[in-house]
Amino acid sequence: MSRVVVLPDRGTLLVGTDLHGNLADFHAIVRRFVELGTGSHLLLCGDLVHGPALAPHEWPDHLGSYYTDASVELLDEARRLRQRFPGRVHYLLGNHEHAHLGGPRLAKFHPDEARHLEDTYGPGRFAEVRDWLAGWPLAAVAPAAGIVFTHAAPHAVIGAAADLDAAPLAGHEDVALHEMASRSVVGALLWARTTSADRATAFLRALHPAARVAVFGHDVIREGHLVEHEPLLCVSTSYGCHDGDKVYLEWDLAVPAGSATALARTGLRRLHPDAPPVHRHG
């Protein structure tokens, strides 16, 4: 089973990150995907699950716009969407999905996020979901566009795509969270918030010689995106952002991205264009 999705060289690609159970944001990007028609492709870069369970009066500003976790509904709709559009909808593994597959257990809004979601489904039903999650890839490549997509920063040291195929998901249950990015290939791709230009470039070239830009999420960028340095573009589509600051990527797969800065300037779109921005400028 390949852990790398190779996207086509034509069509329009939509890319979102870190929904964390926000069904309204999922619906927003899916609507655009459907509007674009048969030439469109959708890629969500992990962490579709594990959202907040807070009342409105408990909601802190750092979580952005209020919503309630709908991870079960979102996962169920995500499965149906991929069945409806075979070969055009892709989901990358995030650290929160990994918590169900041998990754460290997380305690963001519940003592054990994975256990909470598994109990909500029920053991029989979640076994099928777990099998589905286990098949999610770790990276996607758009060769003609020269872009590589991961959940977190491309901090892993690899020689070729086969190294991702061989990377085990299991065995991380007891690894401290602050050690994950340095512990393994999987840990680096699911937990690193940044990496050096040289290390990122080496990762990109290991997956495709024409790759020039890395797009990922994982971190919360309240303004919607960040180009810390080339070739890194971190995108925040949902979690931790106000509706007016949330962005996604829309890109012609036949067009070379050139650089992270150019990709951000011409490819990012506001997820909710009618919502007033809070932190985003321009």
C-alpha atoms as a PDB file:
ATOM      1  CA  MET A   1       0.000   0.000   0.000  1.00  0.00           C
ATOM      2  CA  SER A   2       1.427   3.341  -1.039  1.00  0.00           C
ATOM      3  CA  ARG A   3       1.607   6.100   1.549  1.00  0.00           C
ATOM      4  CA  VAL A   4       2.025   8.750  -1.167  1.00  0.00           C
ATOM      5  CA  VAL A   5      -0.795  10.010  -3.389  1.00  0.00           C
ATOM      6  CA  VAL A   6       0.314  11.157  -6.836  1.00  0.00           C
ATOM      7  CA  LEU A   7      -2.120  13.775  -8.089  1.00  0.00           C
ATOM      8  CA  PRO A   8      -2.835  14.318 -11.797  1.00  0.00           C
ATOM      9  CA  ASP A   9      -1.193  16.969 -13.955  1.00  0.00           C
ATOM     10  CA  ARG A  10      -4.436  18.722 -14.828  1.00  0.00           C
ATOM     11  CA  GLY A  11      -7.577  19.901 -13.065  1.00  0.00           C
ATOM     12  CA  THR A  12      -8.197  22.181 -10.104  1.00  0.00           C
ATOM     13  CA  LEU A  13      -7.002  21.081  -6.681  1.00  0.00           C
ATOM     14  CA  LEU A  14      -8.617  22.262  -3.443  1.00  0.00           C
ATOM     15  CA  VAL A  15      -6.598  21.768  -0.255  1.00  0.00           C
ATOM     16  CA  GLY A  16      -7.766  22.209   3.336  1.00  0.00           C
ATOM     17  CA  THR A  17      -6.244  21.501   6.736  1.00  0.00           C
ATOM     18  CA  ASP A  18      -7.190  20.682  10.329  1.00  0.00           C
ATOM     19  CA  LEU A  19     -10.998  20.588  10.397  1.00  0.00           C
ATOM     20  CA  HIS A  20     -11.135  18.938  13.840  1.00  0.00           C
ATOM     21  CA  GLY A  21     -14.789  18.009  13.587  1.00  0.00           C
ATOM     22  CA  ASN A  22     -15.995  21.333  12.136  1.00  0.00           C
ATOM     23  CA  LEU A  23     -18.776  20.148   9.854  1.00  0.00           C
ATOM     24  CA  ALA A  24     -19.670  23.618   8.565  1.00  0.00           C
ATOM     25  CA  ASP A  25     -16.113  24.175   7.329  1.00  0.00           C
ATOM     26  CA  PHE A  26     -16.082  20.731   5.728  1.00  0.00           C
ATOM     27  CA  HIS A  27     -19.315  21.577   3.929  1.00  0.00           C
ATOM     28  CA  ALA A  28     -17.880  24.904   2.743  1.00  0.00           C
ATOM     29  CA  ILE A  29     -14.868  23.390   0.981  1.00  0.00           C
ATOM     30  CA  VAL A  30     -16.916  20.473  -0.360  1.00  0.00           C
ATOM     31  CA  ARG A  31     -19.409  22.901  -1.915  1.00  0.00           C
ATOM     32  CA  ARG A  32     -16.593  24.563  -3.812  1.00  0.00           C
ATOM     33  CA  PHE A  33     -15.243  21.167  -4.894  1.00  0.00           C
ATOM     34  CA  VAL A  34     -18.633  20.154  -6.279  1.00  0.00           C
ATOM     35  CA  GLU A  35     -19.129  23.541  -7.973  1.00  0.00           C
ATOM     36  CA  LEU A  36     -15.888  23.125  -9.917  1.00  0.00           C
ATOM     37  CA  GLY A  37     -17.148  19.952 -11.569  1.00  0.00           C
ATOM     38  CA  THR A  38     -15.455  16.919 -13.030  1.00  0.00           C
ATOM     39  CA  GLY A  39     -11.948  18.381 -13.248  1.00  0.00           C
ATOM     40  CA  SER A  40     -11.671  19.143  -9.547  1.00  0.00           C
ATOM     41  CA  HIS A  41      -9.810  17.263  -6.821  1.00  0.00           C
ATOM     42  CA  LEU A  42     -10.059  17.630  -3.041  1.00  0.00           C
ATOM     43  CA  LEU A  43      -7.246  17.004  -0.563  1.00  0.00           C
ATOM     44  CA  LEU A  44      -7.645  17.358   3.202  1.00  0.00           C
ATOM     45  CA  CYS A  45      -4.323  17.247   5.040  1.00  0.00           C
ATOM     46  CA  GLY A  46      -5.252  15.360   8.191  1.00  0.00           C
ATOM     47  CA  ASP A  47      -6.821  16.050  11.588  1.00  0.00           C
ATOM     48  CA  LEU A  48     -10.400  15.775  10.424  1.00  0.00           C
ATOM     49  CA  VAL A  49     -11.337  14.596  13.930  1.00  0.00           C
ATOM     50  CA  HIS A  50     -11.248  15.513  17.644  1.00  0.00           C
ATOM     51  CA  GLY A  51     -12.944  18.866  18.162  1.00  0.00           C
ATOM     52  CA  PRO A  52     -14.022  20.898  21.187  1.00  0.00           C
ATOM     53  CA  ALA A  53     -16.912  19.999  23.472  1.00  0.00           C
ATOM     54  CA  LEU A  54     -17.525  23.375  25.113  1.00  0.00           C
ATOM     55  CA  ALA A  55     -20.554  25.523  25.797  1.00  0.00           C
ATOM     56  CA  PRO A  56     -20.549  29.002  24.217  1.00  0.00           C
ATOM     57  CA  HIS A  57     -19.822  30.683  27.557  1.00  0.00           C
ATOM     58  CA  GLU A  58     -16.751  28.436  28.025  1.00  0.00           C
ATOM     59  CA  TRP A  59     -15.303  29.218  24.608  1.00  0.00           C
ATOM     60  CA  PRO A  60     -11.860  30.922  24.625  1.00  0.00           C
ATOM     61  CA  ASP A  61     -10.882  33.376  21.906  1.00  0.00           C
ATOM     62  CA  HIS A  62      -7.824  31.370  20.900  1.00  0.00           C
ATOM     63  CA  LEU A  63     -10.123  28.706  19.434  1.00  0.00           C
ATOM     64  CA  GLY A  64     -11.517  31.159  16.875  1.00  0.00           C
ATOM     65  CA  SER A  65     -15.166  30.987  15.827  1.00  0.00           C
ATOM     66  CA  TYR A  66     -17.472  28.834  17.935  1.00  0.00           C
ATOM     67  CA  TYR A  67     -18.549  25.377  16.803  1.00  0.00           C
ATOM     68  CA  THR A  68     -19.326  22.014  18.340  1.00  0.00           C
ATOM     69  CA  ASP A  69     -17.469  18.836  17.506  1.00  0.00           C
ATOM     70  CA  ALA A  70     -19.116  16.701  14.827  1.00  0.00           C
ATOM     71  CA  SER A  71     -16.277  14.253  14.200  1.00  0.00           C
ATOM     72  CA  VAL A  72     -18.576  11.264  13.711  1.00  0.00           C
ATOM     73  CA  GLU A  73     -20.771  13.041  11.186  1.00  0.00           C
ATOM     74  CA  LEU A  74     -17.743  14.511   9.409  1.00  0.00           C
ATOM     75  CA  LEU A  75     -15.991  11.156   9.073  1.00  0.00           C
ATOM     76  CA  ASP A  76     -19.166   9.492   7.832  1.00  0.00           C
ATOM     77  CA  GLU A  77     -19.705  12.229   5.248  1.00  0.00           C
ATOM     78  CA  ALA A  78     -16.032  12.106   4.247  1.00  0.00           C
ATOM     79  CA  ARG A  79     -16.334   8.394   3.506  1.00  0.00           C
ATOM     80  CA  ARG A  80     -19.451   8.889   1.432  1.00  0.00           C
ATOM     81  CA  LEU A  81     -17.831  11.759  -0.454  1.00  0.00           C
ATOM     82  CA  ARG A  82     -14.899   9.614  -1.505  1.00  0.00           C
ATOM     83  CA  GLN A  83     -17.271   6.885  -2.622  1.00  0.00           C
ATOM     84  CA  ARG A  84     -19.254   9.426  -4.648  1.00  0.00           C
ATOM     85  CA  PHE A  85     -16.132  10.843  -6.343  1.00  0.00           C
ATOM     86  CA  PRO A  86     -13.678   7.932  -6.647  1.00  0.00           C
ATOM     87  CA  GLY A  87     -10.116   8.964  -7.366  1.00  0.00           C
ATOM     88  CA  ARG A  88     -10.820  12.657  -6.779  1.00  0.00           C
ATOM     89  CA  VAL A  89     -11.020  12.916  -2.966  1.00  0.00           C
ATOM     90  CA  HIS A  90      -8.016  12.269  -0.727  1.00  0.00           C
ATOM     91  CA  TYR A  91      -7.353  12.450   3.014  1.00  0.00           C
ATOM     92  CA  LEU A  92      -3.893  12.503   4.580  1.00  0.00           C
ATOM     93  CA  LEU A  93      -3.208  11.041   7.992  1.00  0.00           C
ATOM     94  CA  GLY A  94      -2.884  13.567  10.813  1.00  0.00           C
ATOM     95  CA  ASN A  95      -1.618  13.108  14.341  1.00  0.00           C
ATOM     96  CA  HIS A  96      -5.197  12.933  15.634  1.00  0.00           C
ATOM     97  CA  GLU A  97      -6.121  10.065  13.296  1.00  0.00           C
ATOM     98  CA  HIS A  98      -2.821   8.438  14.225  1.00  0.00           C
ATOM     99  CA  ALA A  99      -3.976   8.336  17.858  1.00  0.00           C
ATOM    100  CA  HIS A 100      -6.332   5.538  16.748  1.00  0.00           C
ATOM    101  CA  LEU A 101      -3.561   3.638  14.927  1.00  0.00           C
ATOM    102  CA  GLY A 102      -0.636   3.358  17.311  1.00  0.00           C
ATOM    103  CA  GLY A 103       0.133   6.999  17.914  1.00  0.00           C
ATOM    104  CA  PRO A 104       0.228   8.705  21.311  1.00  0.00           C
ATOM    105  CA  ARG A 105      -3.115   9.283  22.938  1.00  0.00           C
ATOM    106  CA  LEU A 106      -4.149  12.928  23.095  1.00  0.00           C
ATOM    107  CA  ALA A 107      -5.987  14.947  25.740  1.00  0.00           C
ATOM    108  CA  LYS A 108      -7.139  18.204  24.181  1.00  0.00           C
ATOM    109  CA  PHE A 109     -10.854  18.387  25.061  1.00  0.00           C
ATOM    110  CA  HIS A 110     -11.286  14.956  26.660  1.00  0.00           C
ATOM    111  CA  PRO A 111      -8.954  12.907  28.871  1.00  0.00           C
ATOM    112  CA  ASP A 112      -8.437  10.618  25.876  1.00  0.00           C
ATOM    113  CA  GLU A 113      -9.604  12.005  22.522  1.00  0.00           C
ATOM    114  CA  ALA A 114      -9.285   8.701  20.703  1.00  0.00           C
ATOM    115  CA  ARG A 115     -11.190   6.778  23.356  1.00  0.00           C
ATOM    116  CA  HIS A 116     -13.972   9.367  23.336  1.00  0.00           C
ATOM    117  CA  LEU A 117     -14.467   9.085  19.568  1.00  0.00           C
ATOM    118  CA  GLU A 118     -14.215   5.299  19.627  1.00  0.00           C
ATOM    119  CA  ASP A 119     -16.798   5.080  22.412  1.00  0.00           C
ATOM    120  CA  THR A 120     -19.103   7.435  20.529  1.00  0.00           C
ATOM    121  CA  TYR A 121     -19.033   5.112  17.529  1.00  0.00           C
ATOM    122  CA  GLY A 122     -19.167   1.911  19.535  1.00  0.00           C
ATOM    123  CA  PRO A 123     -16.538  -0.851  19.262  1.00  0.00           C
ATOM    124  CA  GLY A 124     -18.102  -2.757  16.375  1.00  0.00           C
ATOM    125  CA  ARG A 125     -18.669   0.265  14.194  1.00  0.00           C
ATOM    126  CA  PHE A 126     -15.316   1.897  14.921  1.00  0.00           C
ATOM    127  CA  ALA A 127     -13.364  -1.188  13.879  1.00  0.00           C
ATOM    128  CA  GLU A 128     -14.445  -0.498  10.305  1.00  0.00           C
ATOM    129  CA  VAL A 129     -13.529   3.179  10.652  1.00  0.00           C
ATOM    130  CA  ARG A 130     -10.094   2.264  12.011  1.00  0.00           C
ATOM    131  CA  ASP A 131      -9.423   0.032   9.020  1.00  0.00           C
ATOM    132  CA  TRP A 132     -10.323   2.935   6.733  1.00  0.00           C
ATOM    133  CA  LEU A 133      -8.078   5.397   8.588  1.00  0.00           C
ATOM    134  CA  ALA A 134      -5.183   2.935   8.421  1.00  0.00           C
ATOM    135  CA  GLY A 135      -5.184   3.302   4.646  1.00  0.00           C
ATOM    136  CA  TRP A 136      -4.790   7.079   4.621  1.00  0.00           C
ATOM    137  CA  PRO A 137      -1.490   8.211   3.057  1.00  0.00           C
ATOM    138  CA  LEU A 138       1.199  10.355   4.675  1.00  0.00           C
ATOM    139  CA  ALA A 139       1.876  12.663   1.729  1.00  0.00           C
ATOM    140  CA  ALA A 140       0.575  13.789  -1.632  1.00  0.00           C
ATOM    141  CA  VAL A 141       2.533  15.026  -4.638  1.00  0.00           C
ATOM    142  CA  ALA A 142       1.366  17.270  -7.479  1.00  0.00           C
ATOM    143  CA  PRO A 143       4.205  16.709  -9.987  1.00  0.00           C
ATOM    144  CA  ALA A 144       3.379  19.342 -12.615  1.00  0.00           C
ATOM    145  CA  ALA A 145       2.651  21.943  -9.934  1.00  0.00           C
ATOM    146  CA  GLY A 146       5.800  21.032  -8.004  1.00  0.00           C
ATOM    147  CA  ILE A 147       3.983  20.827  -4.657  1.00  0.00           C
ATOM    148  CA  VAL A 148       4.179  18.252  -1.865  1.00  0.00           C
ATOM    149  CA  PHE A 149       1.483  18.085   0.811  1.00  0.00           C
ATOM    150  CA  THR A 150       1.806  16.668   4.335  1.00  0.00           C
ATOM    151  CA  HIS A 151      -0.052  17.069   7.613  1.00  0.00           C
ATOM    152  CA  ALA A 152       2.791  18.730   9.522  1.00  0.00           C
ATOM    153  CA  ALA A 153       6.053  20.261   8.339  1.00  0.00           C
ATOM    154  CA  PRO A 154       8.167  18.023   6.039  1.00  0.00           C
ATOM    155  CA  HIS A 155      10.790  17.344   8.684  1.00  0.00           C
ATOM    156  CA  ALA A 156      11.288  13.638   7.955  1.00  0.00           C
ATOM    157  CA  VAL A 157      14.571  12.395   6.513  1.00  0.00           C
ATOM    158  CA  ILE A 158      13.870   9.997   3.638  1.00  0.00           C
ATOM    159  CA  GLY A 159      15.562   8.835   0.477  1.00  0.00           C
ATOM    160  CA  ALA A 160      12.481   7.976  -1.566  1.00  0.00           C
ATOM    161  CA  ALA A 161       8.717   7.500  -1.387  1.00  0.00           C
ATOM    162  CA  ALA A 162       9.313   3.867  -0.466  1.00  0.00           C
ATOM    163  CA  ASP A 163      10.573   5.041   2.928  1.00  0.00           C
ATOM    164  CA  LEU A 164       7.086   6.363   3.686  1.00  0.00           C
ATOM    165  CA  ASP A 165       5.513   3.107   2.528  1.00  0.00           C
ATOM    166  CA  ALA A 166       7.747   1.219   4.954  1.00  0.00           C
ATOM    167  CA  ALA A 167       7.235   3.525   7.944  1.00  0.00           C
ATOM    168  CA  PRO A 168       5.238   1.762  10.688  1.00  0.00           C
ATOM    169  CA  LEU A 169       2.291   3.551  12.256  1.00  0.00           C
ATOM    170  CA  ALA A 170       2.307   1.390  15.386  1.00  0.00           C
ATOM    171  CA  GLY A 171       4.684   1.639  18.304  1.00  0.00           C
ATOM    172  CA  HIS A 172       4.308   5.306  19.212  1.00  0.00           C
ATOM    173  CA  GLU A 173       1.774   4.909  22.019  1.00  0.00           C
ATOM    174  CA  ASP A 174       4.192   5.726  24.822  1.00  0.00           C
ATOM    175  CA  VAL A 175       6.328   8.343  23.078  1.00  0.00           C
ATOM    176  CA  ALA A 176       6.204  11.761  24.740  1.00  0.00           C
ATOM    177  CA  LEU A 177       4.501  14.326  22.533  1.00  0.00           C
ATOM    178  CA  HIS A 178       7.509  16.645  22.532  1.00  0.00           C
ATOM    179  CA  GLU A 179       9.673  13.793  21.223  1.00  0.00           C
ATOM    180  CA  MET A 180       7.433  12.699  18.345  1.00  0.00           C
ATOM    181  CA  ALA A 181       8.894  15.004  15.688  1.00  0.00           C
ATOM    182  CA  SER A 182      12.393  13.632  16.284  1.00  0.00           C
ATOM    183  CA  ARG A 183      11.536   9.991  16.961  1.00  0.00           C
ATOM    184  CA  SER A 184      10.532   8.575  13.547  1.00  0.00           C
ATOM    185  CA  VAL A 185       9.503   9.337   9.971  1.00  0.00           C
ATOM    186  CA  VAL A 186       5.844   9.153  10.955  1.00  0.00           C
ATOM    187  CA  GLY A 187       6.399  11.302  14.024  1.00  0.00           C
ATOM    188  CA  ALA A 188       8.193  13.971  12.009  1.00  0.00           C
ATOM    189  CA  LEU A 189       5.452  14.174   9.363  1.00  0.00           C
ATOM    190  CA  LEU A 190       2.628  14.316  11.893  1.00  0.00           C
ATOM    191  CA  TRP A 191       4.108  16.533  14.619  1.00  0.00           C
ATOM    192  CA  ALA A 192       6.794  18.924  13.324  1.00  0.00           C
ATOM    193  CA  ARG A 193       5.684  22.561  13.310  1.00  0.00           C
ATOM    194  CA  THR A 194       8.600  23.693  11.166  1.00  0.00           C
ATOM    195  CA  THR A 195      11.846  22.521   9.616  1.00  0.00           C
ATOM    196  CA  SER A 196      14.897  23.974   7.923  1.00  0.00           C
ATOM    197  CA  ALA A 197      14.911  24.961   4.265  1.00  0.00           C
ATOM    198  CA  ASP A 198      17.555  22.344   3.486  1.00  0.00           C
ATOM    199  CA  ARG A 199      15.692  19.547   5.230  1.00  0.00           C
ATOM    200  CA  ALA A 200      12.382  20.478   3.607  1.00  0.00           C
ATOM    201  CA  THR A 201      13.973  20.675   0.163  1.00  0.00           C
ATOM    202  CA  ALA A 202      15.595  17.270   0.609  1.00  0.00           C
ATOM    203  CA  PHE A 203      12.228  15.770   1.534  1.00  0.00           C
ATOM    204  CA  LEU A 204      10.541  17.356  -1.482  1.00  0.00           C
ATOM    205  CA  ARG A 205      13.188  16.127  -3.920  1.00  0.00           C
ATOM    206  CA  ALA A 206      13.029  12.627  -2.444  1.00  0.00           C
ATOM    207  CA  LEU A 207       9.376  12.475  -3.470  1.00  0.00           C
ATOM    208  CA  HIS A 208       9.713  14.205  -6.843  1.00  0.00           C
ATOM    209  CA  PRO A 209      12.611  16.003  -8.563  1.00  0.00           C
ATOM    210  CA  ALA A 210      10.336  18.865  -9.674  1.00  0.00           C
ATOM    211  CA  ALA A 211       8.901  19.557  -6.200  1.00  0.00           C
ATOM    212  CA  ARG A 212       9.570  23.119  -5.050  1.00  0.00           C
ATOM    213  CA  VAL A 213       6.931  23.920  -2.404  1.00  0.00           C
ATOM    214  CA  ALA A 214       5.700  22.183   0.764  1.00  0.00           C
ATOM    215  CA  VAL A 215       2.119  22.791   1.928  1.00  0.00           C
ATOM    216  CA  PHE A 216       0.990  21.600   5.358  1.00  0.00           C
ATOM    217  CA  GLY A 217      -1.129  22.458   8.392  1.00  0.00           C
ATOM    218  CA  HIS A 218      -0.965  21.125  11.969  1.00  0.00           C
ATOM    219  CA  ASP A 219      -0.030  24.463  13.514  1.00  0.00           C
ATOM    220  CA  VAL A 220      -2.636  27.189  14.055  1.00  0.00           C
ATOM    221  CA  ILE A 221      -1.899  30.316  12.034  1.00  0.00           C
ATOM    222  CA  ARG A 222      -4.462  32.836  13.213  1.00  0.00           C
ATOM    223  CA  GLU A 223      -3.997  34.999  10.107  1.00  0.00           C
ATOM    224  CA  GLY A 224      -4.749  31.960   7.922  1.00  0.00           C
ATOM    225  CA  HIS A 225      -1.306  31.178   6.527  1.00  0.00           C
ATOM    226  CA  LEU A 226       2.409  31.611   7.099  1.00  0.00           C
ATOM    227  CA  VAL A 227       5.468  31.442   4.864  1.00  0.00           C
ATOM    228  CA  GLU A 228       8.135  31.200   7.563  1.00  0.00           C
ATOM    229  CA  HIS A 229      10.750  30.710   4.852  1.00  0.00           C
ATOM    230  CA  GLU A 230      10.917  28.963   1.511  1.00  0.00           C
ATOM    231  CA  PRO A 231       9.756  26.336   0.661  1.00  0.00           C
ATOM    232  CA  LEU A 232       7.233  26.161   3.549  1.00  0.00           C
ATOM    233  CA  LEU A 233       3.586  27.253   3.318  1.00  0.00           C
ATOM    234  CA  CYS A 234       1.540  26.523   6.448  1.00  0.00           C
ATOM    235  CA  VAL A 235      -2.228  26.853   5.907  1.00  0.00           C
ATOM    236  CA  SER A 236      -5.020  27.104   8.502  1.00  0.00           C
ATOM    237  CA  THR A 237      -8.419  26.254   7.044  1.00  0.00           C
ATOM    238  CA  SER A 238     -10.451  25.781  10.202  1.00  0.00           C
ATOM    239  CA  TYR A 239      -9.336  24.967  13.742  1.00  0.00           C
ATOM    240  CA  GLY A 240      -8.241  27.865  15.937  1.00  0.00           C
ATOM    241  CA  CYS A 241      -9.227  30.546  13.428  1.00  0.00           C
ATOM    242  CA  HIS A 242     -12.114  32.968  13.139  1.00  0.00           C
ATOM    243  CA  ASP A 243     -14.318  32.330  10.125  1.00  0.00           C
ATOM    244  CA  GLY A 244     -13.091  35.423   8.301  1.00  0.00           C
ATOM    245  CA  ASP A 245      -9.459  34.322   8.659  1.00  0.00           C
ATOM    246  CA  LYS A 246      -9.814  30.730   7.424  1.00  0.00           C
ATOM    247  CA  VAL A 247      -8.219  29.936   4.061  1.00  0.00           C
ATOM    248  CA  TYR A 248      -7.834  27.020   1.692  1.00  0.00           C
ATOM    249  CA  LEU A 249      -5.712  26.486  -1.408  1.00  0.00           C
ATOM    250  CA  GLU A 250      -7.182  26.418  -4.917  1.00  0.00           C
ATOM    251  CA  TRP A 251      -4.646  25.635  -7.635  1.00  0.00           C
ATOM    252  CA  ASP A 252      -4.446  24.581 -11.278  1.00  0.00           C
ATOM    253  CA  LEU A 253      -2.516  21.319 -11.184  1.00  0.00           C
ATOM    254  CA  ALA A 254      -0.890  22.092 -14.537  1.00  0.00           C
ATOM    255  CA  VAL A 255       0.728  25.317 -13.295  1.00  0.00           C
ATOM    256  CA  PRO A 256       4.122  25.212 -11.505  1.00  0.00           C
ATOM    257  CA  ALA A 257       3.867  26.863  -8.097  1.00  0.00           C
ATOM    258  CA  GLY A 258       7.351  28.371  -8.256  1.00  0.00           C
ATOM    259  CA  SER A 259       7.636  29.279  -4.583  1.00  0.00           C
ATOM    260  CA  ALA A 260       5.685  29.184  -1.334  1.00  0.00           C
ATOM    261  CA  THR A 261       5.328  32.962  -1.446  1.00  0.00           C
ATOM    262  CA  ALA A 262       3.904  32.925  -4.968  1.00  0.00           C
ATOM    263  CA  LEU A 263       1.578  30.047  -4.140  1.00  0.00           C
ATOM    264  CA  ALA A 264       0.215  31.875  -1.095  1.00  0.00           C
ATOM    265  CA  ARG A 265      -0.231  35.110  -3.014  1.00  0.00           C
ATOM    266  CA  THR A 266      -2.181  33.646  -5.927  1.00  0.00           C
ATOM    267  CA  GLY A 267      -3.600  30.352  -4.660  1.00  0.00           C
ATOM    268  CA  LEU A 268      -5.144  31.008  -1.257  1.00  0.00           C
ATOM    269  CA  ARG A 269      -8.880  31.665  -0.967  1.00  0.00           C
ATOM    270  CA  ARG A 270     -10.996  32.639   2.019  1.00  0.00           C
ATOM    271  CA  LEU A 271     -13.218  29.785   3.159  1.00  0.00           C
ATOM    272  CA  HIS A 272     -15.960  32.177   4.324  1.00  0.00           C
ATOM    273  CA  PRO A 273     -15.553  35.319   2.184  1.00  0.00           C
ATOM    274  CA  ASP A 274     -18.601  37.005   3.723  1.00  0.00           C
ATOM    275  CA  ALA A 275     -17.260  36.719   7.290  1.00  0.00           C
ATOM    276  CA  PRO A 276     -15.259  39.698   8.584  1.00  0.00           C
ATOM    277  CA  PRO A 277     -11.533  39.043   9.071  1.00  0.00           C
ATOM    278  CA  VAL A 278     -10.186  39.363  12.599  1.00  0.00           C
ATOM    279  CA  HIS A 279      -6.456  38.732  12.228  1.00  0.00           C
ATOM    280  CA  ARG A 280      -6.026  38.379   8.476  1.00  0.00           C
ATOM    281  CA  HIS A 281      -4.845  41.285   6.339  1.00  0.00           C
ATOM    282  CA  GLY A 282      -5.143  41.637   2.592  1.00  0.00           C
END
